[in-house]
């Protein structure tokens, strides 16, 4: 029985360097690989927003602060945790 074609397509699309550099990566304890789609989404944010130090008071910093707060709330919801924790 060969490899799952869906898995092979996902690996090829999201992690092309594994095959290009002939790697097998099994250490997911603390450092997961970054998928191509994650990089593309992050680059899109960086190309379209000026993000500043969240400890400052300017428009770029306000955008960063807002993004941090939205992320914090999403993590709290995911873990069903109170914002007091």
PDB file of N, CA and C in Angstrom:
ATOM      1  N   UNK A   1       0.837  -1.172   0.000  1.00  0.00           N
ATOM      2  CA  UNK A   1       0.000   0.000   0.000  1.00  0.00           C
ATOM      3  C   UNK A   1       0.891   1.247   0.000  1.00  0.00           C
ATOM      4  N   UNK A   2       0.656   2.161  -0.932  1.00  0.00           N
ATOM      5  CA  UNK A   2       1.472   3.365  -1.070  1.00  0.00           C
ATOM      6  C   UNK A   2       0.977   4.499  -0.198  1.00  0.00           C
ATOM      7  N   UNK A   3       1.665   5.623  -0.280  1.00  0.00           N
ATOM      8  CA  UNK A   3       1.265   6.779   0.518  1.00  0.00           C
ATOM      9  C   UNK A   3      -0.092   7.321   0.077  1.00  0.00           C
ATOM     10  N   UNK A   4      -0.798   7.908   1.008  1.00  0.00           N
ATOM     11  CA  UNK A   4      -2.099   8.519   0.748  1.00  0.00           C
ATOM     12  C   UNK A   4      -1.924   9.661  -0.251  1.00  0.00           C
ATOM     13  N   UNK A   5      -2.643   9.659  -1.385  1.00  0.00           N
ATOM     14  CA  UNK A   5      -2.468  10.719  -2.380  1.00  0.00           C
ATOM     15  C   UNK A   5      -2.840  12.105  -1.852  1.00  0.00           C
ATOM     16  N   UNK A   6      -3.792  12.181  -0.943  1.00  0.00           N
ATOM     17  CA  UNK A   6      -4.162  13.485  -0.359  1.00  0.00           C
ATOM     18  C   UNK A   6      -3.009  14.027   0.484  1.00  0.00           C
ATOM     19  N   UNK A   7      -2.391  13.145   1.256  1.00  0.00           N
ATOM     20  CA  UNK A   7      -1.250  13.551   2.071  1.00  0.00           C
ATOM     21  C   UNK A   7      -0.087  13.980   1.183  1.00  0.00           C
ATOM     22  N   UNK A   8       0.151  13.219   0.129  1.00  0.00           N
ATOM     23  CA  UNK A   8       1.248  13.549  -0.790  1.00  0.00           C
ATOM     24  C   UNK A   8       1.010  14.912  -1.440  1.00  0.00           C
ATOM     25  N   UNK A   9      -0.233  15.208  -1.820  1.00  0.00           N
ATOM     26  CA  UNK A   9      -0.553  16.506  -2.426  1.00  0.00           C
ATOM     27  C   UNK A   9      -0.365  17.632  -1.416  1.00  0.00           C
ATOM     28  N   UNK A  10      -0.797  17.408  -0.177  1.00  0.00           N
ATOM     29  CA  UNK A  10      -0.619  18.416   0.877  1.00  0.00           C
ATOM     30  C   UNK A  10       0.864  18.670   1.124  1.00  0.00           C
ATOM     31  N   UNK A  11       1.626  17.616   1.236  1.00  0.00           N
ATOM     32  CA  UNK A  11       3.079  17.750   1.459  1.00  0.00           C
ATOM     33  C   UNK A  11       3.731  18.508   0.307  1.00  0.00           C
ATOM     34  N   UNK A  12       3.366  18.177  -0.900  1.00  0.00           N
ATOM     35  CA  UNK A  12       3.948  18.827  -2.077  1.00  0.00           C
ATOM     36  C   UNK A  12       3.601  20.308  -2.142  1.00  0.00           C
ATOM     37  N   UNK A  13       2.344  20.633  -1.800  1.00  0.00           N
ATOM     38  CA  UNK A  13       1.866  22.012  -1.881  1.00  0.00           C
ATOM     39  C   UNK A  13       2.372  22.874  -0.723  1.00  0.00           C
ATOM     40  N   UNK A  14       2.309  22.360   0.478  1.00  0.00           N
ATOM     41  CA  UNK A  14       2.595  23.163   1.669  1.00  0.00           C
ATOM     42  C   UNK A  14       4.041  23.068   2.157  1.00  0.00           C
ATOM     43  N   UNK A  15       4.712  21.983   1.843  1.00  0.00           N
ATOM     44  CA  UNK A  15       6.078  21.776   2.338  1.00  0.00           C
ATOM     45  C   UNK A  15       6.998  21.311   1.207  1.00  0.00           C
ATOM     46  N   UNK A  16       7.100  22.066   0.127  1.00  0.00           N
ATOM     47  CA  UNK A  16       7.860  21.611  -1.037  1.00  0.00           C
ATOM     48  C   UNK A  16       9.360  21.434  -0.761  1.00  0.00           C
ATOM     49  N   UNK A  17       9.901  22.152   0.211  1.00  0.00           N
ATOM     50  CA  UNK A  17      11.336  22.030   0.496  1.00  0.00           C
ATOM     51  C   UNK A  17      11.708  20.666   1.065  1.00  0.00           C
ATOM     52  N   UNK A  18      10.755  19.975   1.678  1.00  0.00           N
ATOM     53  CA  UNK A  18      11.063  18.644   2.204  1.00  0.00           C
ATOM     54  C   UNK A  18      11.521  17.728   1.078  1.00  0.00           C
ATOM     55  N   UNK A  19      10.766  17.719  -0.019  1.00  0.00           N
ATOM     56  CA  UNK A  19      11.161  16.867  -1.147  1.00  0.00           C
ATOM     57  C   UNK A  19      12.343  17.458  -1.896  1.00  0.00           C
ATOM     58  N   UNK A  20      12.342  18.770  -2.077  1.00  0.00           N
ATOM     59  CA  UNK A  20      13.422  19.417  -2.819  1.00  0.00           C
ATOM     60  C   UNK A  20      14.775  19.165  -2.160  1.00  0.00           C
ATOM     61  N   UNK A  21      14.799  19.203  -0.839  1.00  0.00           N
ATOM     62  CA  UNK A  21      16.055  19.000  -0.108  1.00  0.00           C
ATOM     63  C   UNK A  21      16.161  17.590   0.470  1.00  0.00           C
ATOM     64  N   UNK A  22      15.222  16.732   0.087  1.00  0.00           N
ATOM     65  CA  UNK A  22      15.194  15.325   0.504  1.00  0.00           C
ATOM     66  C   UNK A  22      15.230  15.162   2.026  1.00  0.00           C
ATOM     67  N   UNK A  23      14.302  15.844   2.678  1.00  0.00           N
ATOM     68  CA  UNK A  23      14.202  15.779   4.136  1.00  0.00           C
ATOM     69  C   UNK A  23      12.978  14.981   4.571  1.00  0.00           C
ATOM     70  N   UNK A  24      13.127  14.375   5.719  1.00  0.00           N
ATOM     71  CA  UNK A  24      12.004  13.810   6.456  1.00  0.00           C
ATOM     72  C   UNK A  24      12.047  14.503   7.810  1.00  0.00           C
ATOM     73  N   UNK A  25      10.949  15.162   8.194  1.00  0.00           N
ATOM     74  CA  UNK A  25      10.937  15.938   9.433  1.00  0.00           C
ATOM     75  C   UNK A  25       9.963  15.291  10.403  1.00  0.00           C
ATOM     76  N   UNK A  26      10.453  14.863  11.550  1.00  0.00           N
ATOM     77  CA  UNK A  26       9.614  14.176  12.531  1.00  0.00           C
ATOM     78  C   UNK A  26       9.586  14.854  13.893  1.00  0.00           C
ATOM     79  N   UNK A  27      10.355  15.907  14.098  1.00  0.00           N
ATOM     80  CA  UNK A  27      10.473  16.542  15.409  1.00  0.00           C
ATOM     81  C   UNK A  27       9.445  17.655  15.557  1.00  0.00           C
ATOM     82  N   UNK A  28       8.229  17.305  15.956  1.00  0.00           N
ATOM     83  CA  UNK A  28       7.168  18.296  16.126  1.00  0.00           C
ATOM     84  C   UNK A  28       6.952  18.655  17.593  1.00  0.00           C
ATOM     85  N   UNK A  29       7.909  18.362  18.444  1.00  0.00           N
ATOM     86  CA  UNK A  29       7.762  18.639  19.863  1.00  0.00           C
ATOM     87  C   UNK A  29       7.693  20.136  20.147  1.00  0.00           C
ATOM     88  N   UNK A  30       8.578  20.917  19.560  1.00  0.00           N
ATOM     89  CA  UNK A  30       8.602  22.345  19.882  1.00  0.00           C
ATOM     90  C   UNK A  30       8.745  23.241  18.660  1.00  0.00           C
ATOM     91  N   UNK A  31       9.028  22.674  17.502  1.00  0.00           N
ATOM     92  CA  UNK A  31       9.287  23.515  16.334  1.00  0.00           C
ATOM     93  C   UNK A  31       8.637  22.912  15.087  1.00  0.00           C
ATOM     94  N   UNK A  32       7.381  23.242  14.887  1.00  0.00           N
ATOM     95  CA  UNK A  32       6.692  22.742  13.699  1.00  0.00           C
ATOM     96  C   UNK A  32       7.173  23.460  12.455  1.00  0.00           C
ATOM     97  N   UNK A  33       7.047  22.799  11.330  1.00  0.00           N
ATOM     98  CA  UNK A  33       7.383  23.420  10.057  1.00  0.00           C
ATOM     99  C   UNK A  33       6.329  24.456   9.698  1.00  0.00           C
ATOM    100  N   UNK A  34       6.729  25.459   8.955  1.00  0.00           N
ATOM    101  CA  UNK A  34       5.797  26.494   8.501  1.00  0.00           C
ATOM    102  C   UNK A  34       5.321  26.131   7.102  1.00  0.00           C
ATOM    103  N   UNK A  35       4.014  26.096   6.923  1.00  0.00           N
ATOM    104  CA  UNK A  35       3.430  25.778   5.621  1.00  0.00           C
ATOM    105  C   UNK A  35       3.519  26.990   4.697  1.00  0.00           C
ATOM    106  N   UNK A  36       3.589  26.731   3.407  1.00  0.00           N
ATOM    107  CA  UNK A  36       3.639  27.795   2.411  1.00  0.00           C
ATOM    108  C   UNK A  36       2.437  28.726   2.553  1.00  0.00           C
ATOM    109  N   UNK A  37       1.246  28.173   2.779  1.00  0.00           N
ATOM    110  CA  UNK A  37       0.047  29.019   2.899  1.00  0.00           C
ATOM    111  C   UNK A  37       0.121  29.933   4.120  1.00  0.00           C
ATOM    112  N   UNK A  38       0.744  29.492   5.207  1.00  0.00           N
ATOM    113  CA  UNK A  38       0.922  30.357   6.377  1.00  0.00           C
ATOM    114  C   UNK A  38       1.822  31.536   6.033  1.00  0.00           C
ATOM    115  N   UNK A  39       2.911  31.248   5.342  1.00  0.00           N
ATOM    116  CA  UNK A  39       3.826  32.317   4.938  1.00  0.00           C
ATOM    117  C   UNK A  39       3.137  33.315   4.017  1.00  0.00           C
ATOM    118  N   UNK A  40       2.374  32.811   3.049  1.00  0.00           N
ATOM    119  CA  UNK A  40       1.687  33.692   2.101  1.00  0.00           C
ATOM    120  C   UNK A  40       0.698  34.612   2.814  1.00  0.00           C
ATOM    121  N   UNK A  41      -0.064  34.054   3.768  1.00  0.00           N
ATOM    122  CA  UNK A  41      -1.022  34.889   4.516  1.00  0.00           C
ATOM    123  C   UNK A  41      -0.295  35.930   5.352  1.00  0.00           C
ATOM    124  N   UNK A  42       0.802  35.542   5.983  1.00  0.00           N
ATOM    125  CA  UNK A  42       1.556  36.482   6.810  1.00  0.00           C
ATOM    126  C   UNK A  42       2.189  37.568   5.947  1.00  0.00           C
ATOM    127  N   UNK A  43       2.765  37.188   4.808  1.00  0.00           N
ATOM    128  CA  UNK A  43       3.350  38.175   3.892  1.00  0.00           C
ATOM    129  C   UNK A  43       2.291  39.156   3.410  1.00  0.00           C
ATOM    130  N   UNK A  44       1.072  38.667   3.166  1.00  0.00           N
ATOM    131  CA  UNK A  44      -0.013  39.549   2.721  1.00  0.00           C
ATOM    132  C   UNK A  44      -0.319  40.607   3.780  1.00  0.00           C
ATOM    133  N   UNK A  45      -0.323  40.213   5.044  1.00  0.00           N
ATOM    134  CA  UNK A  45      -0.537  41.174   6.134  1.00  0.00           C
ATOM    135  C   UNK A  45       0.604  42.179   6.167  1.00  0.00           C
ATOM    136  N   UNK A  46       1.829  41.698   6.085  1.00  0.00           N
ATOM    137  CA  UNK A  46       2.985  42.595   6.152  1.00  0.00           C
ATOM    138  C   UNK A  46       3.053  43.543   4.960  1.00  0.00           C
ATOM    139  N   UNK A  47       2.592  43.080   3.776  1.00  0.00           N
ATOM    140  CA  UNK A  47       2.604  43.938   2.587  1.00  0.00           C
ATOM    141  C   UNK A  47       1.522  44.999   2.629  1.00  0.00           C
ATOM    142  N   UNK A  48       0.455  44.763   3.392  1.00  0.00           N
ATOM    143  CA  UNK A  48      -0.689  45.683   3.343  1.00  0.00           C
ATOM    144  C   UNK A  48      -0.917  46.483   4.626  1.00  0.00           C
ATOM    145  N   UNK A  49      -0.094  46.270   5.645  1.00  0.00           N
ATOM    146  CA  UNK A  49      -0.255  47.000   6.902  1.00  0.00           C
ATOM    147  C   UNK A  49       1.099  47.469   7.425  1.00  0.00           C
ATOM    148  N   UNK A  50       1.094  48.638   8.036  1.00  0.00           N
ATOM    149  CA  UNK A  50       2.264  49.101   8.763  1.00  0.00           C
ATOM    150  C   UNK A  50       2.005  48.760  10.227  1.00  0.00           C
ATOM    151  N   UNK A  51       2.803  47.866  10.776  1.00  0.00           N
ATOM    152  CA  UNK A  51       2.615  47.430  12.149  1.00  0.00           C
ATOM    153  C   UNK A  51       3.711  48.033  13.013  1.00  0.00           C
ATOM    154  N   UNK A  52       3.318  48.582  14.131  1.00  0.00           N
ATOM    155  CA  UNK A  52       4.271  49.250  15.010  1.00  0.00           C
ATOM    156  C   UNK A  52       4.329  48.623  16.384  1.00  0.00           C
ATOM    157  N   UNK A  53       5.159  49.187  17.208  1.00  0.00           N
ATOM    158  CA  UNK A  53       5.340  48.747  18.579  1.00  0.00           C
ATOM    159  C   UNK A  53       4.019  48.909  19.339  1.00  0.00           C
ATOM    160  N   UNK A  54       3.481  47.829  19.901  1.00  0.00           N
ATOM    161  CA  UNK A  54       2.200  47.937  20.596  1.00  0.00           C
ATOM    162  C   UNK A  54       2.257  48.783  21.869  1.00  0.00           C
ATOM    163  N   UNK A  55       3.444  49.149  22.306  1.00  0.00           N
ATOM    164  CA  UNK A  55       3.591  49.963  23.512  1.00  0.00           C
ATOM    165  C   UNK A  55       3.662  51.454  23.193  1.00  0.00           C
ATOM    166  N   UNK A  56       3.517  51.807  21.921  1.00  0.00           N
ATOM    167  CA  UNK A  56       3.539  53.213  21.513  1.00  0.00           C
ATOM    168  C   UNK A  56       2.124  53.680  21.203  1.00  0.00           C
ATOM    169  N   UNK A  57       1.986  54.960  20.944  1.00  0.00           N
ATOM    170  CA  UNK A  57       0.670  55.518  20.609  1.00  0.00           C
ATOM    171  C   UNK A  57       0.752  56.216  19.258  1.00  0.00           C
ATOM    172  N   UNK A  58       0.506  55.441  18.214  1.00  0.00           N
ATOM    173  CA  UNK A  58       0.424  55.963  16.861  1.00  0.00           C
ATOM    174  C   UNK A  58      -0.441  54.996  16.061  1.00  0.00           C
ATOM    175  N   UNK A  59      -0.892  55.355  14.874  1.00  0.00           N
ATOM    176  CA  UNK A  59      -1.795  54.465  14.119  1.00  0.00           C
ATOM    177  C   UNK A  59      -1.227  53.064  13.864  1.00  0.00           C
ATOM    178  N   UNK A  60       0.050  52.971  13.537  1.00  0.00           N
ATOM    179  CA  UNK A  60       0.640  51.653  13.292  1.00  0.00           C
ATOM    180  C   UNK A  60       0.633  50.802  14.566  1.00  0.00           C
ATOM    181  N   UNK A  61       0.900  51.445  15.680  1.00  0.00           N
ATOM    182  CA  UNK A  61       0.891  50.738  16.958  1.00  0.00           C
ATOM    183  C   UNK A  61      -0.520  50.329  17.350  1.00  0.00           C
ATOM    184  N   UNK A  62      -1.494  51.175  17.069  1.00  0.00           N
ATOM    185  CA  UNK A  62      -2.888  50.851  17.385  1.00  0.00           C
ATOM    186  C   UNK A  62      -3.336  49.618  16.605  1.00  0.00           C
ATOM    187  N   UNK A  63      -2.936  49.519  15.339  1.00  0.00           N
ATOM    188  CA  UNK A  63      -3.279  48.345  14.533  1.00  0.00           C
ATOM    189  C   UNK A  63      -2.668  47.089  15.148  1.00  0.00           C
ATOM    190  N   UNK A  64      -1.422  47.154  15.548  1.00  0.00           N
ATOM    191  CA  UNK A  64      -0.761  46.016  16.170  1.00  0.00           C
ATOM    192  C   UNK A  64      -1.455  45.633  17.470  1.00  0.00           C
ATOM    193  N   UNK A  65      -1.766  46.610  18.290  1.00  0.00           N
ATOM    194  CA  UNK A  65      -2.444  46.354  19.570  1.00  0.00           C
ATOM    195  C   UNK A  65      -3.785  45.665  19.332  1.00  0.00           C
ATOM    196  N   UNK A  66      -4.535  46.124  18.351  1.00  0.00           N
ATOM    197  CA  UNK A  66      -5.821  45.524  18.015  1.00  0.00           C
ATOM    198  C   UNK A  66      -5.647  44.063  17.586  1.00  0.00           C
ATOM    199  N   UNK A  67      -4.655  43.800  16.773  1.00  0.00           N
ATOM    200  CA  UNK A  67      -4.397  42.433  16.315  1.00  0.00           C
ATOM    201  C   UNK A  67      -3.987  41.523  17.477  1.00  0.00           C
ATOM    202  N   UNK A  68      -3.187  42.041  18.379  1.00  0.00           N
ATOM    203  CA  UNK A  68      -2.769  41.264  19.550  1.00  0.00           C
ATOM    204  C   UNK A  68      -3.983  40.934  20.409  1.00  0.00           C
ATOM    205  N   UNK A  69      -4.837  41.904  20.632  1.00  0.00           N
ATOM    206  CA  UNK A  69      -6.022  41.679  21.465  1.00  0.00           C
ATOM    207  C   UNK A  69      -6.977  40.674  20.825  1.00  0.00           C
ATOM    208  N   UNK A  70      -7.174  40.772  19.507  1.00  0.00           N
ATOM    209  CA  UNK A  70      -8.036  39.792  18.813  1.00  0.00           C
ATOM    210  C   UNK A  70      -7.449  38.384  18.933  1.00  0.00           C
ATOM    211  N   UNK A  71      -6.141  38.276  18.815  1.00  0.00           N
ATOM    212  CA  UNK A  71      -5.474  36.976  18.939  1.00  0.00           C
ATOM    213  C   UNK A  71      -5.630  36.439  20.354  1.00  0.00           C
ATOM    214  N   UNK A  72      -5.429  37.314  21.328  1.00  0.00           N
ATOM    215  CA  UNK A  72      -5.568  36.910  22.733  1.00  0.00           C
ATOM    216  C   UNK A  72      -6.970  36.393  23.008  1.00  0.00           C
ATOM    217  N   UNK A  73      -7.979  37.099  22.530  1.00  0.00           N
ATOM    218  CA  UNK A  73      -9.364  36.677  22.731  1.00  0.00           C
ATOM    219  C   UNK A  73      -9.647  35.339  22.050  1.00  0.00           C
ATOM    220  N   UNK A  74      -9.098  35.134  20.866  1.00  0.00           N
ATOM    221  CA  UNK A  74      -9.298  33.866  20.152  1.00  0.00           C
ATOM    222  C   UNK A  74      -8.667  32.706  20.925  1.00  0.00           C
ATOM    223  N   UNK A  75      -7.484  32.925  21.485  1.00  0.00           N
ATOM    224  CA  UNK A  75      -6.820  31.879  22.267  1.00  0.00           C
ATOM    225  C   UNK A  75      -7.633  31.578  23.525  1.00  0.00           C
ATOM    226  N   UNK A  76      -8.115  32.600  24.191  1.00  0.00           N
ATOM    227  CA  UNK A  76      -8.933  32.387  25.389  1.00  0.00           C
ATOM    228  C   UNK A  76     -10.206  31.602  25.058  1.00  0.00           C
ATOM    229  N   UNK A  77     -10.861  31.958  23.949  1.00  0.00           N
ATOM    230  CA  UNK A  77     -12.066  31.222  23.532  1.00  0.00           C
ATOM    231  C   UNK A  77     -11.727  29.762  23.223  1.00  0.00           C
ATOM    232  N   UNK A  78     -10.614  29.549  22.514  1.00  0.00           N
ATOM    233  CA  UNK A  78     -10.216  28.190  22.142  1.00  0.00           C
ATOM    234  C   UNK A  78     -10.039  27.321  23.380  1.00  0.00           C
ATOM    235  N   UNK A  79      -9.417  27.875  24.424  1.00  0.00           N
ATOM    236  CA  UNK A  79      -9.172  27.113  25.651  1.00  0.00           C
ATOM    237  C   UNK A  79     -10.276  27.278  26.680  1.00  0.00           C
ATOM    238  N   UNK A  80     -11.346  27.980  26.286  1.00  0.00           N
ATOM    239  CA  UNK A  80     -12.457  28.219  27.196  1.00  0.00           C
ATOM    240  C   UNK A  80     -11.947  28.770  28.522  1.00  0.00           C
ATOM    241  N   UNK A  81     -11.082  29.767  28.434  1.00  0.00           N
ATOM    242  CA  UNK A  81     -10.447  30.354  29.610  1.00  0.00           C
ATOM    243  C   UNK A  81     -10.951  31.774  29.829  1.00  0.00           C
ATOM    244  N   UNK A  82     -10.923  32.182  31.056  1.00  0.00           N
ATOM    245  CA  UNK A  82     -11.308  33.542  31.425  1.00  0.00           C
ATOM    246  C   UNK A  82     -10.160  34.499  31.121  1.00  0.00           C
ATOM    247  N   UNK A  83     -10.489  35.743  30.809  1.00  0.00           N
ATOM    248  CA  UNK A  83      -9.449  36.736  30.573  1.00  0.00           C
ATOM    249  C   UNK A  83      -8.702  37.081  31.854  1.00  0.00           C
ATOM    250  N   UNK A  84      -9.221  36.666  32.998  1.00  0.00           N
ATOM    251  CA  UNK A  84      -8.548  36.880  34.280  1.00  0.00           C
ATOM    252  C   UNK A  84      -7.434  35.864  34.519  1.00  0.00           C
ATOM    253  N   UNK A  85      -7.420  34.812  33.724  1.00  0.00           N
ATOM    254  CA  UNK A  85      -6.423  33.741  33.921  1.00  0.00           C
ATOM    255  C   UNK A  85      -5.158  34.043  33.178  1.00  0.00           C
TER     256      UNK A  85
END
